[in-house]
Amino acid sequence: VPEADGCSHLARHPGRHAFEVQTQEYPGQETV
């Protein structure tokens, strides 16, 4: 996990800012 990161959207995007920070991969189940 990075201590800091930036929004993954293009500049001047509508809606909320967001960036992916962690993934959980459970065998045989959906990824979180």
PDB file of all heavy atoms in Angstrom:
ATOM      1  N   VAL A   1       0.838  -1.193   0.000  1.00  0.00           N
ATOM      2  CA  VAL A   1       0.000   0.000   0.000  1.00  0.00           C
ATOM      3  C   VAL A   1       0.875   1.246   0.000  1.00  0.00           C
ATOM      4  O   VAL A   1       1.745   1.394   0.857  1.00  0.00           O
ATOM      5  CB  VAL A   1      -0.946   0.002   1.223  1.00  0.00           C
ATOM      6  CG1 VAL A   1      -1.770   1.265   1.271  1.00  0.00           C
ATOM      7  CG2 VAL A   1      -1.840  -1.229   1.188  1.00  0.00           C
ATOM      8  N   PRO A   2       0.641   2.164  -0.948  1.00  0.00           N
ATOM      9  CA  PRO A   2       1.409   3.414  -0.955  1.00  0.00           C
ATOM     10  C   PRO A   2       0.909   4.350   0.144  1.00  0.00           C
ATOM     11  O   PRO A   2      -0.267   4.341   0.489  1.00  0.00           O
ATOM     12  CB  PRO A   2       1.096   4.005  -2.335  1.00  0.00           C
ATOM     13  CG  PRO A   2      -0.269   3.481  -2.642  1.00  0.00           C
ATOM     14  CD  PRO A   2      -0.325   2.107  -2.033  1.00  0.00           C
ATOM     15  N   GLU A   3       1.810   5.153   0.710  1.00  0.00           N
ATOM     16  CA  GLU A   3       1.392   6.138   1.710  1.00  0.00           C
ATOM     17  C   GLU A   3       0.544   7.230   1.070  1.00  0.00           C
ATOM     18  O   GLU A   3      -0.324   7.801   1.707  1.00  0.00           O
ATOM     19  CB  GLU A   3       2.601   6.770   2.377  1.00  0.00           C
ATOM     20  CG  GLU A   3       3.298   5.861   3.351  1.00  0.00           C
ATOM     21  CD  GLU A   3       4.440   6.553   4.067  1.00  0.00           C
ATOM     22  OE1 GLU A   3       4.495   7.794   4.075  1.00  0.00           O
ATOM     23  OE2 GLU A   3       5.281   5.839   4.615  1.00  0.00           O
ATOM     24  N   ALA A   4       0.846   7.528  -0.181  1.00  0.00           N
ATOM     25  CA  ALA A   4       0.101   8.573  -0.888  1.00  0.00           C
ATOM     26  C   ALA A   4      -0.054   8.165  -2.344  1.00  0.00           C
ATOM     27  O   ALA A   4       0.801   7.484  -2.898  1.00  0.00           O
ATOM     28  CB  ALA A   4       0.834   9.904  -0.803  1.00  0.00           C
ATOM     29  N   ASP A   5      -1.166   8.587  -2.935  1.00  0.00           N
ATOM     30  CA  ASP A   5      -1.384   8.312  -4.351  1.00  0.00           C
ATOM     31  C   ASP A   5      -2.387   9.323  -4.875  1.00  0.00           C
ATOM     32  O   ASP A   5      -3.065  10.006  -4.112  1.00  0.00           O
ATOM     33  CB  ASP A   5      -1.883   6.894  -4.575  1.00  0.00           C
ATOM     34  CG  ASP A   5      -1.487   6.343  -5.939  1.00  0.00           C
ATOM     35  OD1 ASP A   5      -1.087   7.139  -6.826  1.00  0.00           O
ATOM     36  OD2 ASP A   5      -1.581   5.128  -6.136  1.00  0.00           O
ATOM     37  N   GLY A   6      -2.462   9.393  -6.189  1.00  0.00           N
ATOM     38  CA  GLY A   6      -3.348  10.359  -6.822  1.00  0.00           C
ATOM     39  C   GLY A   6      -4.537   9.711  -7.484  1.00  0.00           C
ATOM     40  O   GLY A   6      -4.554   8.514  -7.755  1.00  0.00           O
ATOM     41  N   CYS A   7      -5.514  10.539  -7.764  1.00  0.00           N
ATOM     42  CA  CYS A   7      -6.736  10.118  -8.426  1.00  0.00           C
ATOM     43  C   CYS A   7      -6.403   9.486  -9.781  1.00  0.00           C
ATOM     44  O   CYS A   7      -5.562   9.985 -10.522  1.00  0.00           O
ATOM     45  CB  CYS A   7      -7.640  11.334  -8.603  1.00  0.00           C
ATOM     46  SG  CYS A   7      -9.191  10.986  -9.453  1.00  0.00           S
ATOM     47  N   SER A   8      -7.085   8.392 -10.092  1.00  0.00           N
ATOM     48  CA  SER A   8      -6.835   7.658 -11.337  1.00  0.00           C
ATOM     49  C   SER A   8      -7.640   8.177 -12.525  1.00  0.00           C
ATOM     50  O   SER A   8      -7.468   7.690 -13.643  1.00  0.00           O
ATOM     51  CB  SER A   8      -7.148   6.173 -11.138  1.00  0.00           C
ATOM     52  OG  SER A   8      -6.297   5.619 -10.173  1.00  0.00           O
ATOM     53  N   HIS A   9      -8.514   9.136 -12.300  1.00  0.00           N
ATOM     54  CA  HIS A   9      -9.325   9.707 -13.378  1.00  0.00           C
ATOM     55  C   HIS A   9      -8.509  10.669 -14.242  1.00  0.00           C
ATOM     56  O   HIS A   9      -7.449  11.144 -13.838  1.00  0.00           O
ATOM     57  CB  HIS A   9     -10.497  10.508 -12.796  1.00  0.00           C
ATOM     58  CG  HIS A   9     -11.633   9.682 -12.307  1.00  0.00           C
ATOM     59  ND1 HIS A   9     -12.612   9.202 -13.126  1.00  0.00           N
ATOM     60  CD2 HIS A   9     -11.955   9.258 -11.060  1.00  0.00           C
ATOM     61  CE1 HIS A   9     -13.493   8.529 -12.427  1.00  0.00           C
ATOM     62  NE2 HIS A   9     -13.117   8.541 -11.158  1.00  0.00           N
ATOM     63  N   LEU A  10      -9.069  10.984 -15.397  1.00  0.00           N
ATOM     64  CA  LEU A  10      -8.504  12.044 -16.222  1.00  0.00           C
ATOM     65  C   LEU A  10      -8.788  13.398 -15.580  1.00  0.00           C
ATOM     66  O   LEU A  10      -9.741  13.547 -14.803  1.00  0.00           O
ATOM     67  CB  LEU A  10      -9.126  12.008 -17.621  1.00  0.00           C
ATOM     68  CG  LEU A  10      -8.758  10.812 -18.495  1.00  0.00           C
ATOM     69  CD1 LEU A  10      -9.561  10.832 -19.785  1.00  0.00           C
ATOM     70  CD2 LEU A  10      -7.265  10.795 -18.796  1.00  0.00           C
ATOM     71  N   ALA A  11      -7.989  14.386 -15.915  1.00  0.00           N
ATOM     72  CA  ALA A  11      -8.202  15.743 -15.407  1.00  0.00           C
ATOM     73  C   ALA A  11      -9.604  16.236 -15.758  1.00  0.00           C
ATOM     74  O   ALA A  11     -10.164  15.849 -16.783  1.00  0.00           O
ATOM     75  CB  ALA A  11      -7.153  16.679 -16.001  1.00  0.00           C
ATOM     76  N   ARG A  12     -10.168  17.035 -14.887  1.00  0.00           N
ATOM     77  CA  ARG A  12     -11.485  17.664 -15.070  1.00  0.00           C
ATOM     78  C   ARG A  12     -12.607  16.633 -15.201  1.00  0.00           C
ATOM     79  O   ARG A  12     -13.595  16.864 -15.886  1.00  0.00           O
ATOM     80  CB  ARG A  12     -11.471  18.621 -16.261  1.00  0.00           C
ATOM     81  CG  ARG A  12     -10.477  19.770 -16.080  1.00  0.00           C
ATOM     82  CD  ARG A  12     -10.446  20.706 -17.268  1.00  0.00           C
ATOM     83  NE  ARG A  12     -10.129  20.109 -18.537  1.00  0.00           N
ATOM     84  CZ  ARG A  12      -8.919  19.775 -18.956  1.00  0.00           C
ATOM     85  NH1 ARG A  12      -7.881  19.968 -18.183  1.00  0.00           N
ATOM     86  NH2 ARG A  12      -8.733  19.257 -20.148  1.00  0.00           N
ATOM     87  N   HIS A  13     -12.481  15.508 -14.522  1.00  0.00           N
ATOM     88  CA  HIS A  13     -13.500  14.455 -14.580  1.00  0.00           C
ATOM     89  C   HIS A  13     -14.706  14.822 -13.726  1.00  0.00           C
ATOM     90  O   HIS A  13     -14.583  15.554 -12.746  1.00  0.00           O
ATOM     91  CB  HIS A  13     -12.915  13.128 -14.096  1.00  0.00           C
ATOM     92  CG  HIS A  13     -12.504  13.155 -12.649  1.00  0.00           C
ATOM     93  ND1 HIS A  13     -13.362  12.848 -11.624  1.00  0.00           N
ATOM     94  CD2 HIS A  13     -11.310  13.471 -12.069  1.00  0.00           C
ATOM     95  CE1 HIS A  13     -12.729  12.964 -10.469  1.00  0.00           C
ATOM     96  NE2 HIS A  13     -11.473  13.342 -10.708  1.00  0.00           N
ATOM     97  N   PRO A  14     -15.873  14.267 -14.062  1.00  0.00           N
ATOM     98  CA  PRO A  14     -17.037  14.440 -13.186  1.00  0.00           C
ATOM     99  C   PRO A  14     -16.975  13.429 -12.044  1.00  0.00           C
ATOM    100  O   PRO A  14     -16.289  12.410 -12.132  1.00  0.00           O
ATOM    101  CB  PRO A  14     -18.220  14.131 -14.115  1.00  0.00           C
ATOM    102  CG  PRO A  14     -17.658  13.159 -15.102  1.00  0.00           C
ATOM    103  CD  PRO A  14     -16.210  13.563 -15.306  1.00  0.00           C
ATOM    104  N   GLY A  15     -17.693  13.681 -10.971  1.00  0.00           N
ATOM    105  CA  GLY A  15     -17.822  12.708  -9.892  1.00  0.00           C
ATOM    106  C   GLY A  15     -16.666  12.709  -8.914  1.00  0.00           C
ATOM    107  O   GLY A  15     -15.828  13.609  -8.898  1.00  0.00           O
ATOM    108  N   ARG A  16     -16.641  11.662  -8.099  1.00  0.00           N
ATOM    109  CA  ARG A  16     -15.679  11.540  -7.016  1.00  0.00           C
ATOM    110  C   ARG A  16     -14.282  11.187  -7.532  1.00  0.00           C
ATOM    111  O   ARG A  16     -14.133  10.525  -8.550  1.00  0.00           O
ATOM    112  CB  ARG A  16     -16.130  10.459  -6.042  1.00  0.00           C
ATOM    113  CG  ARG A  16     -17.496  10.735  -5.428  1.00  0.00           C
ATOM    114  CD  ARG A  16     -17.867   9.711  -4.406  1.00  0.00           C
ATOM    115  NE  ARG A  16     -17.314  10.171  -3.130  1.00  0.00           N
ATOM    116  CZ  ARG A  16     -17.321   9.454  -2.017  1.00  0.00           C
ATOM    117  NH1 ARG A  16     -17.843   8.253  -2.009  1.00  0.00           N
ATOM    118  NH2 ARG A  16     -16.811   9.936  -0.902  1.00  0.00           N
ATOM    119  N   HIS A  17     -13.276  11.598  -6.770  1.00  0.00           N
ATOM    120  CA  HIS A  17     -11.899  11.170  -7.011  1.00  0.00           C
ATOM    121  C   HIS A  17     -11.748   9.741  -6.483  1.00  0.00           C
ATOM    122  O   HIS A  17     -12.442   9.355  -5.537  1.00  0.00           O
ATOM    123  CB  HIS A  17     -10.911  12.068  -6.266  1.00  0.00           C
ATOM    124  CG  HIS A  17     -10.971  13.505  -6.660  1.00  0.00           C
ATOM    125  ND1 HIS A  17     -10.561  13.967  -7.885  1.00  0.00           N
ATOM    126  CD2 HIS A  17     -11.410  14.592  -5.973  1.00  0.00           C
ATOM    127  CE1 HIS A  17     -10.723  15.282  -7.936  1.00  0.00           C
ATOM    128  NE2 HIS A  17     -11.242  15.684  -6.790  1.00  0.00           N
ATOM    129  N   ALA A  18     -10.841   8.957  -7.068  1.00  0.00           N
ATOM    130  CA  ALA A  18     -10.659   7.581  -6.610  1.00  0.00           C
ATOM    131  C   ALA A  18      -9.316   7.021  -7.059  1.00  0.00           C
ATOM    132  O   ALA A  18      -8.817   7.369  -8.121  1.00  0.00           O
ATOM    133  CB  ALA A  18     -11.776   6.692  -7.159  1.00  0.00           C
ATOM    134  N   PHE A  19      -8.748   6.163  -6.210  1.00  0.00           N
ATOM    135  CA  PHE A  19      -7.635   5.315  -6.640  1.00  0.00           C
ATOM    136  C   PHE A  19      -7.695   3.993  -5.892  1.00  0.00           C
ATOM    137  O   PHE A  19      -8.143   3.923  -4.748  1.00  0.00           O
ATOM    138  CB  PHE A  19      -6.265   5.992  -6.488  1.00  0.00           C
ATOM    139  CG  PHE A  19      -5.811   6.275  -5.076  1.00  0.00           C
ATOM    140  CD1 PHE A  19      -5.121   5.326  -4.344  1.00  0.00           C
ATOM    141  CD2 PHE A  19      -6.043   7.511  -4.506  1.00  0.00           C
ATOM    142  CE1 PHE A  19      -4.681   5.594  -3.057  1.00  0.00           C
ATOM    143  CE2 PHE A  19      -5.608   7.803  -3.225  1.00  0.00           C
ATOM    144  CZ  PHE A  19      -4.922   6.839  -2.495  1.00  0.00           C
ATOM    145  N   GLU A  20      -7.270   2.939  -6.567  1.00  0.00           N
ATOM    146  CA  GLU A  20      -7.247   1.598  -5.978  1.00  0.00           C
ATOM    147  C   GLU A  20      -6.083   1.507  -5.003  1.00  0.00           C
ATOM    148  O   GLU A  20      -4.972   1.944  -5.311  1.00  0.00           O
ATOM    149  CB  GLU A  20      -7.082   0.555  -7.080  1.00  0.00           C
ATOM    150  CG  GLU A  20      -7.089  -0.860  -6.581  1.00  0.00           C
ATOM    151  CD  GLU A  20      -6.918  -1.869  -7.698  1.00  0.00           C
ATOM    152  OE1 GLU A  20      -7.388  -1.612  -8.817  1.00  0.00           O
ATOM    153  OE2 GLU A  20      -6.309  -2.920  -7.427  1.00  0.00           O
ATOM    154  N   VAL A  21      -6.350   0.937  -3.825  1.00  0.00           N
ATOM    155  CA  VAL A  21      -5.311   0.916  -2.801  1.00  0.00           C
ATOM    156  C   VAL A  21      -4.945  -0.500  -2.340  1.00  0.00           C
ATOM    157  O   VAL A  21      -3.832  -0.725  -1.891  1.00  0.00           O
ATOM    158  CB  VAL A  21      -5.707   1.831  -1.615  1.00  0.00           C
ATOM    159  CG1 VAL A  21      -6.859   1.259  -0.830  1.00  0.00           C
ATOM    160  CG2 VAL A  21      -4.542   2.150  -0.729  1.00  0.00           C
ATOM    161  N   GLN A  22      -5.864  -1.469  -2.462  1.00  0.00           N
ATOM    162  CA  GLN A  22      -5.550  -2.833  -2.037  1.00  0.00           C
ATOM    163  C   GLN A  22      -6.493  -3.823  -2.720  1.00  0.00           C
ATOM    164  O   GLN A  22      -7.629  -3.469  -3.060  1.00  0.00           O
ATOM    165  CB  GLN A  22      -5.676  -2.968  -0.522  1.00  0.00           C
ATOM    166  CG  GLN A  22      -5.271  -4.298   0.067  1.00  0.00           C
ATOM    167  CD  GLN A  22      -3.845  -4.707  -0.256  1.00  0.00           C
ATOM    168  OE1 GLN A  22      -3.573  -5.190  -1.352  1.00  0.00           O
ATOM    169  NE2 GLN A  22      -2.938  -4.511   0.685  1.00  0.00           N
ATOM    170  N   THR A  23      -6.009  -5.039  -2.902  1.00  0.00           N
ATOM    171  CA  THR A  23      -6.803  -6.127  -3.469  1.00  0.00           C
ATOM    172  C   THR A  23      -6.672  -7.344  -2.571  1.00  0.00           C
ATOM    173  O   THR A  23      -5.575  -7.660  -2.116  1.00  0.00           O
ATOM    174  CB  THR A  23      -6.303  -6.471  -4.896  1.00  0.00           C
ATOM    175  OG1 THR A  23      -6.378  -5.297  -5.697  1.00  0.00           O
ATOM    176  CG2 THR A  23      -7.137  -7.564  -5.521  1.00  0.00           C
ATOM    177  N   GLN A  24      -7.791  -7.993  -2.326  1.00  0.00           N
ATOM    178  CA  GLN A  24      -7.798  -9.258  -1.593  1.00  0.00           C
ATOM    179  C   GLN A  24      -8.235 -10.343  -2.568  1.00  0.00           C
ATOM    180  O   GLN A  24      -9.303 -10.252  -3.158  1.00  0.00           O
ATOM    181  CB  GLN A  24      -8.775  -9.204  -0.420  1.00  0.00           C
ATOM    182  CG  GLN A  24      -8.366  -8.268   0.698  1.00  0.00           C
ATOM    183  CD  GLN A  24      -9.463  -8.188   1.734  1.00  0.00           C
ATOM    184  OE1 GLN A  24     -10.402  -7.427   1.545  1.00  0.00           O
ATOM    185  NE2 GLN A  24      -9.344  -8.955   2.807  1.00  0.00           N
ATOM    186  N   GLU A  25      -7.406 -11.358  -2.735  1.00  0.00           N
ATOM    187  CA  GLU A  25      -7.723 -12.457  -3.643  1.00  0.00           C
ATOM    188  C   GLU A  25      -7.913 -13.731  -2.837  1.00  0.00           C
ATOM    189  O   GLU A  25      -6.947 -14.348  -2.403  1.00  0.00           O
ATOM    190  CB  GLU A  25      -6.616 -12.614  -4.677  1.00  0.00           C
ATOM    191  CG  GLU A  25      -6.533 -11.428  -5.627  1.00  0.00           C
ATOM    192  CD  GLU A  25      -5.490 -11.608  -6.712  1.00  0.00           C
ATOM    193  OE1 GLU A  25      -4.769 -12.635  -6.714  1.00  0.00           O
ATOM    194  OE2 GLU A  25      -5.396 -10.706  -7.560  1.00  0.00           O
ATOM    195  N   TYR A  26      -9.178 -14.079  -2.643  1.00  0.00           N
ATOM    196  CA  TYR A  26      -9.523 -15.304  -1.923  1.00  0.00           C
ATOM    197  C   TYR A  26      -9.643 -16.439  -2.946  1.00  0.00           C
ATOM    198  O   TYR A  26     -10.393 -16.317  -3.906  1.00  0.00           O
ATOM    199  CB  TYR A  26     -10.860 -15.145  -1.196  1.00  0.00           C
ATOM    200  CG  TYR A  26     -10.845 -14.128  -0.092  1.00  0.00           C
ATOM    201  CD1 TYR A  26     -11.320 -12.837  -0.308  1.00  0.00           C
ATOM    202  CD2 TYR A  26     -10.377 -14.465   1.168  1.00  0.00           C
ATOM    203  CE1 TYR A  26     -11.311 -11.901   0.717  1.00  0.00           C
ATOM    204  CE2 TYR A  26     -10.374 -13.540   2.200  1.00  0.00           C
ATOM    205  CZ  TYR A  26     -10.836 -12.261   1.970  1.00  0.00           C
ATOM    206  OH  TYR A  26     -10.832 -11.337   2.976  1.00  0.00           O
ATOM    207  N   PRO A  27      -8.921 -17.539  -2.751  1.00  0.00           N
ATOM    208  CA  PRO A  27      -9.019 -18.656  -3.695  1.00  0.00           C
ATOM    209  C   PRO A  27     -10.465 -19.134  -3.851  1.00  0.00           C
ATOM    210  O   PRO A  27     -11.175 -19.324  -2.874  1.00  0.00           O
ATOM    211  CB  PRO A  27      -8.144 -19.747  -3.054  1.00  0.00           C
ATOM    212  CG  PRO A  27      -7.206 -19.003  -2.159  1.00  0.00           C
ATOM    213  CD  PRO A  27      -7.977 -17.809  -1.664  1.00  0.00           C
ATOM    214  N   GLY A  28     -10.910 -19.253  -5.090  1.00  0.00           N
ATOM    215  CA  GLY A  28     -12.245 -19.746  -5.381  1.00  0.00           C
ATOM    216  C   GLY A  28     -13.364 -18.760  -5.114  1.00  0.00           C
ATOM    217  O   GLY A  28     -14.534 -19.131  -5.166  1.00  0.00           O
ATOM    218  N   GLN A  29     -13.032 -17.509  -4.817  1.00  0.00           N
ATOM    219  CA  GLN A  29     -14.050 -16.493  -4.537  1.00  0.00           C
ATOM    220  C   GLN A  29     -13.757 -15.234  -5.348  1.00  0.00           C
ATOM    221  O   GLN A  29     -12.700 -15.095  -5.952  1.00  0.00           O
ATOM    222  CB  GLN A  29     -14.054 -16.130  -3.049  1.00  0.00           C
ATOM    223  CG  GLN A  29     -14.388 -17.283  -2.136  1.00  0.00           C
ATOM    224  CD  GLN A  29     -14.346 -16.842  -0.670  1.00  0.00           C
ATOM    225  OE1 GLN A  29     -14.554 -15.688  -0.360  1.00  0.00           O
ATOM    226  NE2 GLN A  29     -14.077 -17.784   0.209  1.00  0.00           N
ATOM    227  N   GLU A  30     -14.713 -14.307  -5.330  1.00  0.00           N
ATOM    228  CA  GLU A  30     -14.505 -13.041  -6.021  1.00  0.00           C
ATOM    229  C   GLU A  30     -13.423 -12.218  -5.339  1.00  0.00           C
ATOM    230  O   GLU A  30     -13.272 -12.262  -4.118  1.00  0.00           O
ATOM    231  CB  GLU A  30     -15.797 -12.221  -6.055  1.00  0.00           C
ATOM    232  CG  GLU A  30     -16.753 -12.660  -7.124  1.00  0.00           C
ATOM    233  CD  GLU A  30     -17.843 -11.630  -7.361  1.00  0.00           C
ATOM    234  OE1 GLU A  30     -17.573 -10.423  -7.273  1.00  0.00           O
ATOM    235  OE2 GLU A  30     -18.968 -12.060  -7.632  1.00  0.00           O
ATOM    236  N   THR A  31     -12.711 -11.461  -6.127  1.00  0.00           N
ATOM    237  CA  THR A  31     -11.695 -10.550  -5.618  1.00  0.00           C
ATOM    238  C   THR A  31     -12.371  -9.343  -4.959  1.00  0.00           C
ATOM    239  O   THR A  31     -13.386  -8.849  -5.451  1.00  0.00           O
ATOM    240  CB  THR A  31     -10.797 -10.079  -6.786  1.00  0.00           C
ATOM    241  OG1 THR A  31     -10.131 -11.228  -7.329  1.00  0.00           O
ATOM    242  CG2 THR A  31      -9.786  -9.057  -6.343  1.00  0.00           C
ATOM    243  N   VAL A  32     -11.807  -8.878  -3.852  1.00  0.00           N
ATOM    244  CA  VAL A  32     -12.285  -7.669  -3.186  1.00  0.00           C
ATOM    245  C   VAL A  32     -11.257  -6.570  -3.449  1.00  0.00           C
ATOM    246  O   VAL A  32     -10.067  -6.754  -3.171  1.00  0.00           O
ATOM    247  CB  VAL A  32     -12.450  -7.880  -1.667  1.00  0.00           C
ATOM    248  CG1 VAL A  32     -12.887  -6.586  -0.989  1.00  0.00           C
ATOM    249  CG2 VAL A  32     -13.429  -9.004  -1.386  1.00  0.00           C
TER     250      VAL A  32
END
